[in-house]
Protein backbone atom coordinates (compact mmCIF):
# COMPACT_ATOMS: atom_id res chain seq x y z
CA MET A 1 240.54 -26.03 277.57
CA ASN A 2 242.21 -28.69 275.38
CA ILE A 3 241.54 -30.08 271.90
CA GLN A 4 242.56 -33.55 270.69
CA LEU A 5 242.69 -34.64 267.02
CA GLU A 6 242.85 -38.37 266.29
CA ASN A 7 243.51 -39.67 262.75
CA LEU A 8 241.68 -36.63 261.41
CA GLY A 9 241.16 -36.33 257.68
CA LYS A 10 239.23 -34.10 255.28
CA LYS A 11 238.52 -34.88 251.63
CA PHE A 12 236.91 -32.72 248.94
CA ARG A 13 235.56 -34.94 246.18
CA LYS A 14 238.48 -37.35 245.60
CA GLU A 15 241.29 -35.17 246.94
CA TRP A 16 242.54 -35.39 250.52
CA ILE A 17 243.19 -31.92 251.92
CA PHE A 18 244.85 -33.45 254.98
CA ARG A 19 244.93 -36.91 256.52
CA ASN A 20 246.19 -38.79 259.61
CA VAL A 21 246.35 -35.67 261.76
CA ASN A 22 247.13 -36.62 265.36
CA LEU A 23 247.65 -33.51 267.46
CA SER A 24 246.92 -32.17 270.93
CA PHE A 25 246.34 -28.50 271.71
CA GLU A 26 246.68 -27.44 275.34
CA ALA A 27 245.43 -24.48 277.34
CA GLY A 28 248.06 -21.80 277.91
CA LYS A 29 249.98 -22.65 274.74
CA ASN A 30 249.99 -21.19 271.24
CA TYR A 31 250.13 -22.98 267.90
CA THR A 32 250.44 -21.88 264.29
CA PHE A 33 249.28 -23.76 261.17
CA VAL A 34 251.64 -22.85 258.33
CA GLY A 35 251.74 -23.67 254.64
CA PRO A 36 251.23 -21.96 251.28
CA ASN A 37 247.89 -20.51 250.19
CA GLY A 38 245.41 -23.27 249.39
CA SER A 39 247.26 -25.90 251.43
CA GLY A 40 244.39 -26.49 253.86
CA LYS A 41 245.23 -24.36 256.90
CA SER A 42 241.84 -22.65 257.07
CA THR A 43 240.04 -25.92 256.33
CA LEU A 44 241.76 -27.59 259.29
CA LEU A 45 240.81 -24.66 261.51
CA GLN A 46 237.15 -24.87 260.46
CA VAL A 47 237.06 -28.64 260.96
CA LEU A 48 238.68 -28.22 264.36
CA ILE A 49 235.83 -25.99 265.61
CA GLY A 50 233.05 -27.97 263.97
CA VAL A 51 231.83 -25.51 261.34
CA MET A 52 232.98 -27.92 258.61
CA PRO A 53 232.53 -31.72 258.86
CA HIS A 54 235.56 -33.99 258.74
CA THR A 55 235.74 -37.07 256.54
CA GLU A 56 237.45 -39.39 259.00
CA GLY A 57 238.87 -39.43 262.51
CA LYS A 58 237.80 -37.64 265.67
CA VAL A 59 237.90 -34.20 267.27
CA SER A 60 237.40 -34.06 271.05
CA TYR A 61 237.33 -31.20 273.54
CA SER A 62 237.98 -31.22 277.28
CA SER A 63 238.16 -28.82 280.19
CA ASN A 64 239.54 -29.74 283.62
CA ASN A 65 239.64 -33.40 282.48
CA GLN A 66 235.93 -33.29 281.64
CA GLU A 67 234.73 -33.81 278.07
CA VAL A 68 232.99 -30.84 276.44
CA SER A 69 230.26 -31.67 273.93
CA VAL A 70 230.40 -30.39 270.36
CA ASP A 71 227.11 -28.57 270.98
CA ASP A 72 228.72 -26.49 273.75
CA ILE A 73 232.05 -25.77 272.12
CA TYR A 74 230.86 -22.57 270.43
CA LYS A 75 230.57 -21.00 273.89
CA LYS A 76 234.28 -21.60 274.46
CA ILE A 77 235.66 -20.28 271.17
CA VAL A 78 236.18 -16.90 269.53
CA ILE A 79 237.50 -16.58 265.98
CA ALA A 80 238.72 -13.78 263.73
CA ALA A 81 238.99 -14.77 260.08
CA PRO A 82 238.61 -13.23 256.60
CA TYR A 83 235.66 -15.50 255.77
CA LEU A 84 233.65 -14.44 258.85
CA GLU A 85 231.82 -11.27 257.91
CA LEU A 86 230.74 -8.42 260.15
CA VAL A 87 227.19 -7.07 259.96
CA GLU A 88 227.82 -4.18 257.59
CA GLU A 89 224.60 -2.32 258.42
CA PHE A 90 225.47 -1.96 262.12
CA THR A 91 227.33 0.97 263.56
CA LEU A 92 230.53 0.10 265.38
CA LEU A 93 228.77 0.44 268.75
CA GLU A 94 225.86 -1.73 267.59
CA SER A 95 228.28 -4.35 266.27
CA VAL A 96 230.12 -4.57 269.58
CA GLU A 97 226.88 -4.67 271.61
CA PHE A 98 225.50 -7.41 269.33
CA HIS A 99 228.61 -9.55 269.85
CA GLN A 100 228.44 -8.95 273.59
CA LYS A 101 224.98 -10.55 273.77
CA PHE A 102 226.54 -13.89 272.81
CA LYS A 103 230.05 -13.56 274.26
CA PRO A 104 230.60 -11.40 277.36
CA PHE A 105 233.80 -9.40 277.53
CA LYS A 106 236.71 -10.01 279.90
CA ASP A 107 236.66 -8.08 283.18
CA ASN A 108 233.08 -7.02 282.42
CA ILE A 109 234.23 -4.12 280.27
CA SER A 110 231.50 -2.22 278.44
CA ALA A 111 231.03 -1.91 274.69
CA ASN A 112 232.33 1.66 274.82
CA GLU A 113 235.40 0.59 276.78
CA LEU A 114 236.20 -2.07 274.18
CA ILE A 115 235.90 0.50 271.41
CA GLU A 116 238.42 2.66 273.27
CA LYS A 117 240.79 -0.28 273.65
CA ILE A 118 240.75 -1.06 269.92
CA GLN A 119 241.45 2.63 269.22
CA LEU A 120 238.31 3.25 267.17
CA ALA A 121 236.38 5.55 269.54
CA PRO A 122 236.03 8.42 267.00
CA HIS A 123 234.15 6.02 264.71
CA LYS A 124 231.71 4.40 267.14
CA ASP A 125 228.61 5.83 265.40
CA LYS A 126 229.77 5.08 261.85
CA THR A 127 228.36 2.08 259.99
CA VAL A 128 230.77 -0.80 259.54
CA LYS A 129 230.24 -0.85 255.75
CA ASN A 130 232.05 2.51 255.61
CA PHE A 131 235.08 1.21 257.50
CA SER A 132 238.39 0.54 255.80
CA SER A 133 239.52 -3.07 255.61
CA GLY A 134 242.09 -2.33 258.32
CA MET A 135 239.44 -0.94 260.68
CA LYS A 136 237.27 -4.02 260.13
CA GLN A 137 240.22 -6.28 260.91
CA ARG A 138 241.01 -4.36 264.09
CA LEU A 139 237.36 -4.78 265.16
CA LYS A 140 237.43 -8.54 264.48
CA LEU A 141 240.64 -8.95 266.46
CA GLY A 142 239.38 -6.79 269.32
CA LEU A 143 236.20 -8.85 269.66
CA ALA A 144 238.31 -12.01 269.78
CA PHE A 145 240.91 -10.79 272.26
CA TYR A 146 238.46 -9.20 274.70
CA SER A 147 235.79 -11.93 274.69
CA GLU A 148 235.58 -14.19 277.73
CA ALA A 149 236.50 -17.44 275.97
CA PRO A 150 239.32 -19.94 276.64
CA ILE A 151 240.11 -20.58 272.95
CA ILE A 152 241.16 -17.92 270.43
CA LEU A 153 241.47 -18.79 266.73
CA LEU A 154 243.01 -16.30 264.31
CA ASP A 155 243.21 -16.79 260.55
CA GLU A 156 245.55 -14.37 258.74
CA PRO A 157 245.40 -11.99 261.72
CA THR A 158 247.36 -9.05 260.29
CA SER A 159 245.70 -9.03 256.86
CA ASN A 160 244.84 -5.41 255.98
CA LEU A 161 246.69 -4.03 259.02
CA ASP A 162 249.38 -1.39 258.61
CA ALA A 163 252.59 -1.36 260.66
CA GLN A 164 250.88 0.39 263.58
CA GLY A 165 248.01 -2.11 263.48
CA THR A 166 250.43 -5.04 263.41
CA ALA A 167 252.26 -3.67 266.44
CA TRP A 168 248.90 -3.32 268.24
CA TYR A 169 248.07 -6.95 267.34
CA LEU A 170 251.34 -8.21 268.85
CA GLU A 171 250.69 -6.19 272.03
CA GLN A 172 247.24 -7.79 272.35
CA ILE A 173 248.72 -11.26 271.88
CA GLU A 174 251.12 -10.66 274.76
CA LYS A 175 248.40 -9.19 276.97
CA HIS A 176 245.45 -11.52 276.34
CA THR A 177 246.67 -15.01 275.45
CA PRO A 178 249.09 -16.38 278.11
CA ASP A 179 246.40 -18.40 279.92
CA ARG A 180 244.35 -19.31 276.84
CA LEU A 181 244.66 -21.73 273.93
CA LEU A 182 245.68 -19.74 270.84
CA ILE A 183 245.73 -21.19 267.31
CA ILE A 184 246.79 -19.12 264.31
CA CYS A 185 246.69 -19.84 260.57
CA SER A 186 249.39 -17.93 258.74
CA ASN A 187 252.00 -17.81 256.03
CA GLN A 188 253.42 -14.51 257.32
CA PRO A 189 256.22 -15.12 259.88
CA ASN A 190 255.73 -11.71 261.52
CA GLU A 191 252.28 -12.91 262.69
CA TYR A 192 253.67 -15.74 264.81
CA THR A 193 257.26 -14.90 265.79
CA PHE A 194 256.30 -15.58 269.43
CA CYS A 195 254.90 -19.05 268.68
CA LYS A 196 256.79 -22.15 269.81
CA ASN A 197 254.52 -24.81 268.27
CA ILE A 198 254.46 -24.82 264.47
CA VAL A 199 252.28 -27.26 262.51
CA ASP A 200 253.08 -27.48 258.78
CA ILE A 201 249.94 -28.67 257.00
CA ARG A 202 252.09 -30.19 254.25
CA ASP A 203 253.19 -32.88 256.72
CA TYR A 204 249.66 -34.31 256.61
CA LYS A 205 249.10 -34.74 252.89
C-alpha cells in the first residue's frame, strides 16, 4: 500500500500550515513527521488519511499498482492518536470486540488473546473510563499493531507510557511493522530511533 502527495497544502483562515508537499510513502518503509508542537504534524497526518480536507494539491492511494479510492481507504488504515477517543463506557473486552467488528485482527487472534498480548488481561472486565492514561495508550497501540491493515499511523505513540510501556512499544514496532507502511508523528527521538525517513514539517512552510 502506497500513498502519494502532490503539491499538497492546508490553510486555516489566512495562514498556511504547510504547502507544496510532494512526498511518496511506500509499503514496508517507516516515516516520521517531526517538528515542534503546533507545527502541523498532526494536521498533515489527518489530511493524509482524509479525515481533514486539504486546501490544495492531491492525495492518492495505490495497492499493487491499482488506485484505491478515498471511500475505501479507511479499510486499509489503523491509527492511534491522542485526539481519537476510546468508548469510555465499554469494558476492555467490549472495546476490543467492538473494534474487531470493523477491523479483524492479524492471524485471526481473538479479543481475549489480544488483551493478553497488550498485557492488560487482569483488567479485561474493567470499564475503560477507570483506566490510567498509560493503560488507554497501550490499548490504542495494541489495536493498531494487531489489526489486519497495511497502513499504521501513530501520533505521539509513547505519550503517557512509562519506561516499561515504551520498551513494549518498540518491541511491537519491530514485530508488526516490517511489511507495512508506518507513519509516526513525534517530537520525541526515542519514539522513532529506528526510522530512516524523517520529514521535518518546517521544510514545507
